[in-house]
Amino acid sequence: MRFKTRWRSEEDNWSDSGSKISDEGKLVAIRQEFDQGPIIVEHWHYRGSSAPNRSVFDDYDEFIAYLKEHALAGDAFDVWSWRSLCTTERRIAEGKCPADDGTVPQGGAY
């Protein structure tokens, strides 16, 4: 997979030996994770001086399409397993949206 180059600063010491999101082993691991559930992706923009974009992907092909459309040379990615991170035990809060009178359903199809 090749990425478009917006620009690059040589003071950042570009190297063939750096970590690459497009390495076959990483893509295989990401593809295999989809057998268990979605992935969470944090996309840092090279010299972008902004917060990262965060996305959840349910499909490997959608993730690859995102890379091809939005990633540029030098951008950095962190990828996590939804299954291992987003568990009931790790929730910081839960709840339902109340109606105008303040009530919430005790049941419901979700």
PDB file of N, CA and C in Angstrom:
ATOM      1  N   MET A   1       0.851  -1.168   0.000  1.00  0.00           N
ATOM      2  CA  MET A   1       0.000   0.000   0.000  1.00  0.00           C
ATOM      3  C   MET A   1       0.901   1.236   0.000  1.00  0.00           C
ATOM      4  N   ARG A   2       0.597   2.150  -0.886  1.00  0.00           N
ATOM      5  CA  ARG A   2       1.369   3.388  -0.975  1.00  0.00           C
ATOM      6  C   ARG A   2       0.493   4.552  -0.514  1.00  0.00           C
ATOM      7  N   PHE A   3       1.122   5.495   0.164  1.00  0.00           N
ATOM      8  CA  PHE A   3       0.405   6.652   0.676  1.00  0.00           C
ATOM      9  C   PHE A   3       0.895   7.918  -0.018  1.00  0.00           C
ATOM     10  N   LYS A   4      -0.029   8.836  -0.248  1.00  0.00           N
ATOM     11  CA  LYS A   4       0.335  10.129  -0.825  1.00  0.00           C
ATOM     12  C   LYS A   4       1.187  10.903   0.173  1.00  0.00           C
ATOM     13  N   THR A   5       2.104  11.693  -0.342  1.00  0.00           N
ATOM     14  CA  THR A   5       2.926  12.548   0.508  1.00  0.00           C
ATOM     15  C   THR A   5       2.438  13.979   0.380  1.00  0.00           C
ATOM     16  N   ARG A   6       2.019  14.540   1.491  1.00  0.00           N
ATOM     17  CA  ARG A   6       1.633  15.948   1.502  1.00  0.00           C
ATOM     18  C   ARG A   6       2.894  16.785   1.550  1.00  0.00           C
ATOM     19  N   TRP A   7       3.746  16.499   2.480  1.00  0.00           N
ATOM     20  CA  TRP A   7       5.067  17.112   2.600  1.00  0.00           C
ATOM     21  C   TRP A   7       5.817  16.356   3.671  1.00  0.00           C
ATOM     22  N   ARG A   8       7.121  16.549   3.724  1.00  0.00           N
ATOM     23  CA  ARG A   8       7.917  15.890   4.751  1.00  0.00           C
ATOM     24  C   ARG A   8       9.073  16.784   5.157  1.00  0.00           C
ATOM     25  N   SER A   9       9.424  16.666   6.418  1.00  0.00           N
ATOM     26  CA  SER A   9      10.553  17.405   6.961  1.00  0.00           C
ATOM     27  C   SER A   9      11.696  16.415   7.162  1.00  0.00           C
ATOM     28  N   GLU A  10      12.804  16.671   6.532  1.00  0.00           N
ATOM     29  CA  GLU A  10      13.955  15.775   6.651  1.00  0.00           C
ATOM     30  C   GLU A  10      14.523  15.760   8.065  1.00  0.00           C
ATOM     31  N   GLU A  11      14.240  16.763   8.868  1.00  0.00           N
ATOM     32  CA  GLU A  11      14.719  16.761  10.254  1.00  0.00           C
ATOM     33  C   GLU A  11      14.036  15.684  11.092  1.00  0.00           C
ATOM     34  N   ASP A  12      12.994  15.042  10.549  1.00  0.00           N
ATOM     35  CA  ASP A  12      12.308  13.956  11.254  1.00  0.00           C
ATOM     36  C   ASP A  12      12.951  12.599  11.010  1.00  0.00           C
ATOM     37  N   ASN A  13      14.081  12.571  10.311  1.00  0.00           N
ATOM     38  CA  ASN A  13      14.864  11.342  10.119  1.00  0.00           C
ATOM     39  C   ASN A  13      14.046  10.198   9.530  1.00  0.00           C
ATOM     40  N   TRP A  14      13.495  10.387   8.358  1.00  0.00           N
ATOM     41  CA  TRP A  14      12.752   9.339   7.667  1.00  0.00           C
ATOM     42  C   TRP A  14      13.661   8.140   7.441  1.00  0.00           C
ATOM     43  N   SER A  15      13.141   6.920   7.644  1.00  0.00           N
ATOM     44  CA  SER A  15      13.953   5.713   7.579  1.00  0.00           C
ATOM     45  C   SER A  15      13.135   4.539   7.041  1.00  0.00           C
ATOM     46  N   ASP A  16      13.797   3.629   6.331  1.00  0.00           N
ATOM     47  CA  ASP A  16      13.146   2.403   5.862  1.00  0.00           C
ATOM     48  C   ASP A  16      12.794   1.463   7.011  1.00  0.00           C
ATOM     49  N   SER A  17      13.461   1.605   8.145  1.00  0.00           N
ATOM     50  CA  SER A  17      13.306   0.639   9.230  1.00  0.00           C
ATOM     51  C   SER A  17      12.260   1.036  10.262  1.00  0.00           C
ATOM     52  N   GLY A  18      11.517   2.106  10.053  1.00  0.00           N
ATOM     53  CA  GLY A  18      10.521   2.533  11.025  1.00  0.00           C
ATOM     54  C   GLY A  18       9.283   1.646  11.021  1.00  0.00           C
ATOM     55  N   SER A  19       8.463   1.816  12.021  1.00  0.00           N
ATOM     56  CA  SER A  19       7.219   1.069  12.155  1.00  0.00           C
ATOM     57  C   SER A  19       6.220   1.544  11.101  1.00  0.00           C
ATOM     58  N   LYS A  20       5.623   0.586  10.368  1.00  0.00           N
ATOM     59  CA  LYS A  20       4.704   0.909   9.268  1.00  0.00           C
ATOM     60  C   LYS A  20       3.365   0.214   9.479  1.00  0.00           C
ATOM     61  N   ILE A  21       2.293   0.977   9.458  1.00  0.00           N
ATOM     62  CA  ILE A  21       0.956   0.400   9.622  1.00  0.00           C
ATOM     63  C   ILE A  21       0.628  -0.544   8.465  1.00  0.00           C
ATOM     64  N   SER A  22       1.299  -0.361   7.335  1.00  0.00           N
ATOM     65  CA  SER A  22       1.026  -1.175   6.147  1.00  0.00           C
ATOM     66  C   SER A  22       1.816  -2.477   6.098  1.00  0.00           C
ATOM     67  N   ASP A  23       2.631  -2.767   7.129  1.00  0.00           N
ATOM     68  CA  ASP A  23       3.360  -4.045   7.153  1.00  0.00           C
ATOM     69  C   ASP A  23       2.362  -5.201   7.139  1.00  0.00           C
ATOM     70  N   GLU A  24       2.682  -6.208   6.353  1.00  0.00           N
ATOM     71  CA  GLU A  24       1.774  -7.347   6.176  1.00  0.00           C
ATOM     72  C   GLU A  24       1.366  -7.980   7.507  1.00  0.00           C
ATOM     73  N   GLY A  25       2.316  -8.157   8.420  1.00  0.00           N
ATOM     74  CA  GLY A  25       2.004  -8.770   9.709  1.00  0.00           C
ATOM     75  C   GLY A  25       1.002  -7.955  10.512  1.00  0.00           C
ATOM     76  N   LYS A  26       1.111  -6.633  10.440  1.00  0.00           N
ATOM     77  CA  LYS A  26       0.157  -5.782  11.160  1.00  0.00           C
ATOM     78  C   LYS A  26      -1.219  -5.852  10.519  1.00  0.00           C
ATOM     79  N   LEU A  27      -1.249  -5.847   9.197  1.00  0.00           N
ATOM     80  CA  LEU A  27      -2.545  -5.933   8.514  1.00  0.00           C
ATOM     81  C   LEU A  27      -3.220  -7.279   8.752  1.00  0.00           C
ATOM     82  N   VAL A  28      -2.443  -8.346   8.818  1.00  0.00           N
ATOM     83  CA  VAL A  28      -3.004  -9.670   9.119  1.00  0.00           C
ATOM     84  C   VAL A  28      -3.596  -9.675  10.531  1.00  0.00           C
ATOM     85  N   ALA A  29      -2.870  -9.118  11.496  1.00  0.00           N
ATOM     86  CA  ALA A  29      -3.365  -9.074  12.880  1.00  0.00           C
ATOM     87  C   ALA A  29      -4.650  -8.257  12.968  1.00  0.00           C
ATOM     88  N   ILE A  30      -4.704  -7.146  12.253  1.00  0.00           N
ATOM     89  CA  ILE A  30      -5.911  -6.316  12.249  1.00  0.00           C
ATOM     90  C   ILE A  30      -7.061  -7.075  11.605  1.00  0.00           C
ATOM     91  N   ARG A  31      -6.798  -7.696  10.467  1.00  0.00           N
ATOM     92  CA  ARG A  31      -7.859  -8.467   9.786  1.00  0.00           C
ATOM     93  C   ARG A  31      -8.398  -9.567  10.700  1.00  0.00           C
ATOM     94  N   GLN A  32      -7.513 -10.268  11.397  1.00  0.00           N
ATOM     95  CA  GLN A  32      -7.944 -11.356  12.278  1.00  0.00           C
ATOM     96  C   GLN A  32      -8.774 -10.843  13.449  1.00  0.00           C
ATOM     97  N   GLU A  33      -8.490  -9.643  13.914  1.00  0.00           N
ATOM     98  CA  GLU A  33      -9.247  -9.093  15.040  1.00  0.00           C
ATOM     99  C   GLU A  33     -10.716  -8.901  14.681  1.00  0.00           C
ATOM    100  N   PHE A  34     -11.003  -8.644  13.412  1.00  0.00           N
ATOM    101  CA  PHE A  34     -12.392  -8.467  12.994  1.00  0.00           C
ATOM    102  C   PHE A  34     -13.215  -9.738  13.189  1.00  0.00           C
ATOM    103  N   ASP A  35     -12.577 -10.903  13.322  1.00  0.00           N
ATOM    104  CA  ASP A  35     -13.304 -12.133  13.634  1.00  0.00           C
ATOM    105  C   ASP A  35     -13.892 -12.072  15.044  1.00  0.00           C
ATOM    106  N   GLN A  36     -13.305 -11.238  15.899  1.00  0.00           N
ATOM    107  CA  GLN A  36     -13.740 -11.113  17.288  1.00  0.00           C
ATOM    108  C   GLN A  36     -14.639  -9.897  17.506  1.00  0.00           C
ATOM    109  N   GLY A  37     -14.518  -8.894  16.640  1.00  0.00           N
ATOM    110  CA  GLY A  37     -15.329  -7.689  16.810  1.00  0.00           C
ATOM    111  C   GLY A  37     -14.654  -6.489  16.160  1.00  0.00           C
ATOM    112  N   PRO A  38     -15.181  -5.299  16.430  1.00  0.00           N
ATOM    113  CA  PRO A  38     -14.656  -4.075  15.823  1.00  0.00           C
ATOM    114  C   PRO A  38     -13.267  -3.711  16.347  1.00  0.00           C
ATOM    115  N   ILE A  39     -12.657  -2.738  15.656  1.00  0.00           N
ATOM    116  CA  ILE A  39     -11.397  -2.162  16.114  1.00  0.00           C
ATOM    117  C   ILE A  39     -11.599  -0.667  16.345  1.00  0.00           C
ATOM    118  N   ILE A  40     -10.789  -0.126  17.213  1.00  0.00           N
ATOM    119  CA  ILE A  40     -10.763   1.310  17.494  1.00  0.00           C
ATOM    120  C   ILE A  40      -9.460   1.839  16.911  1.00  0.00           C
ATOM    121  N   VAL A  41      -9.537   2.932  16.164  1.00  0.00           N
ATOM    122  CA  VAL A  41      -8.359   3.475  15.485  1.00  0.00           C
ATOM    123  C   VAL A  41      -8.177   4.937  15.862  1.00  0.00           C
ATOM    124  N   GLU A  42      -6.951   5.269  16.210  1.00  0.00           N
ATOM    125  CA  GLU A  42      -6.572   6.653  16.449  1.00  0.00           C
ATOM    126  C   GLU A  42      -5.602   7.047  15.336  1.00  0.00           C
ATOM    127  N   HIS A  43      -5.949   8.088  14.584  1.00  0.00           N
ATOM    128  CA  HIS A  43      -5.181   8.527  13.416  1.00  0.00           C
ATOM    129  C   HIS A  43      -4.564   9.882  13.736  1.00  0.00           C
ATOM    130  N   TRP A  44      -3.243   9.884  13.911  1.00  0.00           N
ATOM    131  CA  TRP A  44      -2.475  11.101  14.179  1.00  0.00           C
ATOM    132  C   TRP A  44      -1.938  11.640  12.862  1.00  0.00           C
ATOM    133  N   HIS A  45      -2.141  12.903  12.608  1.00  0.00           N
ATOM    134  CA  HIS A  45      -1.739  13.520  11.343  1.00  0.00           C
ATOM    135  C   HIS A  45      -0.328  14.082  11.451  1.00  0.00           C
ATOM    136  N   TYR A  46       0.536  13.641  10.537  1.00  0.00           N
ATOM    137  CA  TYR A  46       1.938  14.053  10.523  1.00  0.00           C
ATOM    138  C   TYR A  46       2.059  15.572  10.495  1.00  0.00           C
ATOM    139  N   ARG A  47       2.703  16.091  11.518  1.00  0.00           N
ATOM    140  CA  ARG A  47       2.904  17.536  11.658  1.00  0.00           C
ATOM    141  C   ARG A  47       1.601  18.305  11.481  1.00  0.00           C
ATOM    142  N   GLY A  48       0.530  17.702  11.949  1.00  0.00           N
ATOM    143  CA  GLY A  48      -0.790  18.294  11.775  1.00  0.00           C
ATOM    144  C   GLY A  48      -1.183  19.279  12.853  1.00  0.00           C
ATOM    145  N   SER A  49      -0.456  19.313  13.945  1.00  0.00           N
ATOM    146  CA  SER A  49      -0.736  20.189  15.091  1.00  0.00           C
ATOM    147  C   SER A  49      -2.225  20.198  15.449  1.00  0.00           C
ATOM    148  N   SER A  50      -2.796  19.014  15.499  1.00  0.00           N
ATOM    149  CA  SER A  50      -4.200  18.885  15.877  1.00  0.00           C
ATOM    150  C   SER A  50      -4.401  17.569  16.616  1.00  0.00           C
ATOM    151  N   ALA A  51      -5.543  17.452  17.237  1.00  0.00           N
ATOM    152  CA  ALA A  51      -5.875  16.207  17.921  1.00  0.00           C
ATOM    153  C   ALA A  51      -6.073  15.103  16.883  1.00  0.00           C
ATOM    154  N   PRO A  52      -5.893  13.862  17.283  1.00  0.00           N
ATOM    155  CA  PRO A  52      -6.090  12.770  16.336  1.00  0.00           C
ATOM    156  C   PRO A  52      -7.565  12.566  16.010  1.00  0.00           C
ATOM    157  N   ASN A  53      -7.813  11.934  14.874  1.00  0.00           N
ATOM    158  CA  ASN A  53      -9.157  11.461  14.548  1.00  0.00           C
ATOM    159  C   ASN A  53      -9.310  10.091  15.187  1.00  0.00           C
ATOM    160  N   ARG A  54     -10.481   9.816  15.717  1.00  0.00           N
ATOM    161  CA  ARG A  54     -10.753   8.510  16.311  1.00  0.00           C
ATOM    162  C   ARG A  54     -11.964   7.902  15.624  1.00  0.00           C
ATOM    163  N   SER A  55     -11.836   6.632  15.272  1.00  0.00           N
ATOM    164  CA  SER A  55     -12.901   5.943  14.541  1.00  0.00           C
ATOM    165  C   SER A  55     -13.025   4.514  15.044  1.00  0.00           C
ATOM    166  N   VAL A  56     -14.197   3.945  14.824  1.00  0.00           N
ATOM    167  CA  VAL A  56     -14.435   2.529  15.090  1.00  0.00           C
ATOM    168  C   VAL A  56     -14.804   1.901  13.755  1.00  0.00           C
ATOM    169  N   PHE A  57     -14.178   0.769  13.457  1.00  0.00           N
ATOM    170  CA  PHE A  57     -14.446   0.062  12.206  1.00  0.00           C
ATOM    171  C   PHE A  57     -14.972  -1.327  12.519  1.00  0.00           C
ATOM    172  N   ASP A  58     -16.019  -1.720  11.788  1.00  0.00           N
ATOM    173  CA  ASP A  58     -16.613  -3.046  11.928  1.00  0.00           C
ATOM    174  C   ASP A  58     -16.182  -3.985  10.813  1.00  0.00           C
ATOM    175  N   ASP A  59     -15.443  -3.453   9.836  1.00  0.00           N
ATOM    176  CA  ASP A  59     -15.135  -4.226   8.637  1.00  0.00           C
ATOM    177  C   ASP A  59     -13.721  -3.895   8.158  1.00  0.00           C
ATOM    178  N   TYR A  60     -12.946  -4.906   7.847  1.00  0.00           N
ATOM    179  CA  TYR A  60     -11.564  -4.724   7.404  1.00  0.00           C
ATOM    180  C   TYR A  60     -11.491  -3.876   6.129  1.00  0.00           C
ATOM    181  N   ASP A  61     -12.362  -4.150   5.175  1.00  0.00           N
ATOM    182  CA  ASP A  61     -12.325  -3.400   3.920  1.00  0.00           C
ATOM    183  C   ASP A  61     -12.621  -1.916   4.131  1.00  0.00           C
ATOM    184  N   GLU A  62     -13.498  -1.600   5.078  1.00  0.00           N
ATOM    185  CA  GLU A  62     -13.769  -0.189   5.412  1.00  0.00           C
ATOM    186  C   GLU A  62     -12.524   0.469   6.010  1.00  0.00           C
ATOM    187  N   PHE A  63     -11.808  -0.270   6.853  1.00  0.00           N
ATOM    188  CA  PHE A  63     -10.570   0.253   7.438  1.00  0.00           C
ATOM    189  C   PHE A  63      -9.537   0.532   6.348  1.00  0.00           C
ATOM    190  N   ILE A  64      -9.355  -0.412   5.431  1.00  0.00           N
ATOM    191  CA  ILE A  64      -8.393  -0.230   4.338  1.00  0.00           C
ATOM    192  C   ILE A  64      -8.811   0.947   3.455  1.00  0.00           C
ATOM    193  N   ALA A  65     -10.099   1.071   3.169  1.00  0.00           N
ATOM    194  CA  ALA A  65     -10.588   2.195   2.364  1.00  0.00           C
ATOM    195  C   ALA A  65     -10.298   3.520   3.066  1.00  0.00           C
ATOM    196  N   TYR A  66     -10.449   3.544   4.396  1.00  0.00           N
ATOM    197  CA  TYR A  66     -10.129   4.754   5.166  1.00  0.00           C
ATOM    198  C   TYR A  66      -8.648   5.106   5.001  1.00  0.00           C
ATOM    199  N   LEU A  67      -7.778   4.105   5.144  1.00  0.00           N
ATOM    200  CA  LEU A  67      -6.350   4.357   4.983  1.00  0.00           C
ATOM    201  C   LEU A  67      -6.048   4.938   3.601  1.00  0.00           C
ATOM    202  N   LYS A  68      -6.609   4.325   2.575  1.00  0.00           N
ATOM    203  CA  LYS A  68      -6.334   4.755   1.204  1.00  0.00           C
ATOM    204  C   LYS A  68      -6.845   6.172   0.940  1.00  0.00           C
ATOM    205  N   GLU A  69      -7.955   6.529   1.557  1.00  0.00           N
ATOM    206  CA  GLU A  69      -8.553   7.837   1.289  1.00  0.00           C
ATOM    207  C   GLU A  69      -8.015   8.955   2.178  1.00  0.00           C
ATOM    208  N   HIS A  70      -7.713   8.641   3.441  1.00  0.00           N
ATOM    209  CA  HIS A  70      -7.414   9.695   4.410  1.00  0.00           C
ATOM    210  C   HIS A  70      -5.971   9.735   4.923  1.00  0.00           C
ATOM    211  N   ALA A  71      -5.238   8.641   4.808  1.00  0.00           N
ATOM    212  CA  ALA A  71      -3.886   8.601   5.374  1.00  0.00           C
ATOM    213  C   ALA A  71      -2.871   9.187   4.392  1.00  0.00           C
ATOM    214  N   LEU A  72      -1.924   9.904   4.951  1.00  0.00           N
ATOM    215  CA  LEU A  72      -0.823  10.477   4.175  1.00  0.00           C
ATOM    216  C   LEU A  72       0.493   9.986   4.764  1.00  0.00           C
ATOM    217  N   ALA A  73       1.535   9.999   3.952  1.00  0.00           N
ATOM    218  CA  ALA A  73       2.855   9.565   4.420  1.00  0.00           C
ATOM    219  C   ALA A  73       3.219  10.317   5.695  1.00  0.00           C
ATOM    220  N   GLY A  74       3.679   9.578   6.685  1.00  0.00           N
ATOM    221  CA  GLY A  74       4.082  10.161   7.959  1.00  0.00           C
ATOM    222  C   GLY A  74       3.010  10.122   9.024  1.00  0.00           C
ATOM    223  N   ASP A  75       1.734   9.940   8.640  1.00  0.00           N
ATOM    224  CA  ASP A  75       0.671   9.845   9.637  1.00  0.00           C
ATOM    225  C   ASP A  75       0.921   8.613  10.518  1.00  0.00           C
ATOM    226  N   ALA A  76       0.474   8.682  11.746  1.00  0.00           N
ATOM    227  CA  ALA A  76       0.665   7.583  12.702  1.00  0.00           C
ATOM    228  C   ALA A  76      -0.688   7.019  13.116  1.00  0.00           C
ATOM    229  N   PHE A  77      -0.723   5.716  13.372  1.00  0.00           N
ATOM    230  CA  PHE A  77      -1.966   5.036  13.745  1.00  0.00           C
ATOM    231  C   PHE A  77      -1.743   4.173  14.978  1.00  0.00           C
ATOM    232  N   ASP A  78      -2.729   4.185  15.852  1.00  0.00           N
ATOM    233  CA  ASP A  78      -2.815   3.246  16.960  1.00  0.00           C
ATOM    234  C   ASP A  78      -4.116   2.480  16.757  1.00  0.00           C
ATOM    235  N   VAL A  79      -4.068   1.158  16.937  1.00  0.00           N
ATOM    236  CA  VAL A  79      -5.236   0.308  16.712  1.00  0.00           C
ATOM    237  C   VAL A  79      -5.436  -0.568  17.944  1.00  0.00           C
ATOM    238  N   TRP A  80      -6.674  -0.614  18.421  1.00  0.00           N
ATOM    239  CA  TRP A  80      -7.009  -1.438  19.582  1.00  0.00           C
ATOM    240  C   TRP A  80      -8.180  -2.351  19.271  1.00  0.00           C
ATOM    241  N   SER A  81      -8.279  -3.396  20.038  1.00  0.00           N
ATOM    242  CA  SER A  81      -9.387  -4.336  19.962  1.00  0.00           C
ATOM    243  C   SER A  81     -10.547  -3.828  20.809  1.00  0.00           C
ATOM    244  N   TRP A  82     -11.695  -3.633  20.193  1.00  0.00           N
ATOM    245  CA  TRP A  82     -12.889  -3.244  20.943  1.00  0.00           C
ATOM    246  C   TRP A  82     -13.208  -4.304  21.992  1.00  0.00           C
ATOM    247  N   ARG A  83     -13.114  -5.578  21.587  1.00  0.00           N
ATOM    248  CA  ARG A  83     -13.469  -6.706  22.455  1.00  0.00           C
ATOM    249  C   ARG A  83     -12.668  -6.690  23.755  1.00  0.00           C
ATOM    250  N   SER A  84     -11.380  -6.375  23.684  1.00  0.00           N
ATOM    251  CA  SER A  84     -10.557  -6.441  24.892  1.00  0.00           C
ATOM    252  C   SER A  84     -10.635  -5.172  25.736  1.00  0.00           C
ATOM    253  N   LEU A  85     -11.032  -4.058  25.140  1.00  0.00           N
ATOM    254  CA  LEU A  85     -11.065  -2.793  25.876  1.00  0.00           C
ATOM    255  C   LEU A  85     -12.448  -2.398  26.363  1.00  0.00           C
ATOM    256  N   CYS A  86     -13.441  -2.626  25.555  1.00  0.00           N
ATOM    257  CA  CYS A  86     -14.786  -2.131  25.844  1.00  0.00           C
ATOM    258  C   CYS A  86     -15.624  -3.234  26.473  1.00  0.00           C
ATOM    259  N   THR A  87     -15.381  -3.462  27.746  1.00  0.00           N
ATOM    260  CA  THR A  87     -16.104  -4.492  28.477  1.00  0.00           C
ATOM    261  C   THR A  87     -16.976  -3.837  29.545  1.00  0.00           C
ATOM    262  N   THR A  88     -17.948  -4.574  30.031  1.00  0.00           N
ATOM    263  CA  THR A  88     -18.825  -4.074  31.086  1.00  0.00           C
ATOM    264  C   THR A  88     -18.012  -3.641  32.301  1.00  0.00           C
ATOM    265  N   GLU A  89     -16.989  -4.393  32.635  1.00  0.00           N
ATOM    266  CA  GLU A  89     -16.181  -4.092  33.818  1.00  0.00           C
ATOM    267  C   GLU A  89     -15.396  -2.791  33.672  1.00  0.00           C
ATOM    268  N   ARG A  90     -15.101  -2.378  32.467  1.00  0.00           N
ATOM    269  CA  ARG A  90     -14.295  -1.174  32.229  1.00  0.00           C
ATOM    270  C   ARG A  90     -15.126   0.086  31.990  1.00  0.00           C
ATOM    271  N   ARG A  91     -16.449  -0.055  31.972  1.00  0.00           N
ATOM    272  CA  ARG A  91     -17.295   1.127  31.756  1.00  0.00           C
ATOM    273  C   ARG A  91     -17.052   2.163  32.837  1.00  0.00           C
ATOM    274  N   ILE A  92     -17.066   3.423  32.442  1.00  0.00           N
ATOM    275  CA  ILE A  92     -16.982   4.490  33.440  1.00  0.00           C
ATOM    276  C   ILE A  92     -18.376   5.008  33.791  1.00  0.00           C
ATOM    277  N   ALA A  93     -19.345   4.723  32.952  1.00  0.00           N
ATOM    278  CA  ALA A  93     -20.729   5.105  33.213  1.00  0.00           C
ATOM    279  C   ALA A  93     -21.637   4.310  32.288  1.00  0.00           C
ATOM    280  N   GLU A  94     -22.904   4.235  32.648  1.00  0.00           N
ATOM    281  CA  GLU A  94     -23.936   3.637  31.805  1.00  0.00           C
ATOM    282  C   GLU A  94     -25.243   4.286  32.180  1.00  0.00           C
ATOM    283  N   GLY A  95     -26.199   4.232  31.309  1.00  0.00           N
ATOM    284  CA  GLY A  95     -27.504   4.805  31.615  1.00  0.00           C
ATOM    285  C   GLY A  95     -28.321   4.965  30.359  1.00  0.00           C
ATOM    286  N   LYS A  96     -29.586   5.330  30.553  1.00  0.00           N
ATOM    287  CA  LYS A  96     -30.523   5.544  29.454  1.00  0.00           C
ATOM    288  C   LYS A  96     -30.948   7.007  29.453  1.00  0.00           C
ATOM    289  N   CYS A  97     -31.379   7.483  28.326  1.00  0.00           N
ATOM    290  CA  CYS A  97     -31.855   8.866  28.209  1.00  0.00           C
ATOM    291  C   CYS A  97     -33.281   8.950  28.756  1.00  0.00           C
ATOM    292  N   PRO A  98     -33.524   9.862  29.698  1.00  0.00           N
ATOM    293  CA  PRO A  98     -34.859   9.968  30.282  1.00  0.00           C
ATOM    294  C   PRO A  98     -35.831  10.722  29.376  1.00  0.00           C
ATOM    295  N   ALA A  99     -37.095  10.411  29.549  1.00  0.00           N
ATOM    296  CA  ALA A  99     -38.175  11.141  28.878  1.00  0.00           C
ATOM    297  C   ALA A  99     -38.358  12.486  29.577  1.00  0.00           C
ATOM    298  N   ASP A 100     -39.278  13.319  29.058  1.00  0.00           N
ATOM    299  CA  ASP A 100     -39.523  14.646  29.643  1.00  0.00           C
ATOM    300  C   ASP A 100     -39.877  14.580  31.125  1.00  0.00           C
ATOM    301  N   ASP A 101     -40.541  13.504  31.538  1.00  0.00           N
ATOM    302  CA  ASP A 101     -40.942  13.391  32.944  1.00  0.00           C
ATOM    303  C   ASP A 101     -39.859  12.756  33.815  1.00  0.00           C
ATOM    304  N   GLY A 102     -38.679  12.487  33.237  1.00  0.00           N
ATOM    305  CA  GLY A 102     -37.573  11.941  34.022  1.00  0.00           C
ATOM    306  C   GLY A 102     -37.530  10.430  34.119  1.00  0.00           C
ATOM    307  N   THR A 103     -38.487   9.750  33.512  1.00  0.00           N
ATOM    308  CA  THR A 103     -38.517   8.283  33.607  1.00  0.00           C
ATOM    309  C   THR A 103     -37.682   7.646  32.501  1.00  0.00           C
ATOM    310  N   VAL A 104     -37.197   6.457  32.808  1.00  0.00           N
ATOM    311  CA  VAL A 104     -36.460   5.648  31.826  1.00  0.00           C
ATOM    312  C   VAL A 104     -37.054   4.261  31.808  1.00  0.00           C
ATOM    313  N   PRO A 105     -36.965   3.575  30.675  1.00  0.00           N
ATOM    314  CA  PRO A 105     -37.507   2.204  30.618  1.00  0.00           C
ATOM    315  C   PRO A 105     -36.651   1.229  31.426  1.00  0.00           C
ATOM    316  N   GLN A 106     -37.304   0.321  32.104  1.00  0.00           N
ATOM    317  CA  GLN A 106     -36.597  -0.716  32.849  1.00  0.00           C
ATOM    318  C   GLN A 106     -36.185  -1.854  31.919  1.00  0.00           C
ATOM    319  N   GLY A 107     -36.872  -1.975  30.804  1.00  0.00           N
ATOM    320  CA  GLY A 107     -36.558  -3.001  29.802  1.00  0.00           C
ATOM    321  C   GLY A 107     -36.398  -2.324  28.469  1.00  0.00           C
ATOM    322  N   GLY A 108     -36.543  -3.105  27.428  1.00  0.00           N
ATOM    323  CA  GLY A 108     -36.467  -2.548  26.093  1.00  0.00           C
ATOM    324  C   GLY A 108     -35.636  -3.428  25.186  1.00  0.00           C
ATOM    325  N   ALA A 109     -35.899  -3.320  23.897  1.00  0.00           N
ATOM    326  CA  ALA A 109     -35.134  -4.080  22.902  1.00  0.00           C
ATOM    327  C   ALA A 109     -33.996  -3.201  22.413  1.00  0.00           C
ATOM    328  N   TYR A 110     -32.763  -3.627  22.658  1.00  0.00           N
ATOM    329  CA  TYR A 110     -31.584  -2.844  22.257  1.00  0.00           C
ATOM    330  C   TYR A 110     -30.684  -3.664  21.374  1.00  0.00           C
TER     331      TYR A 110
END
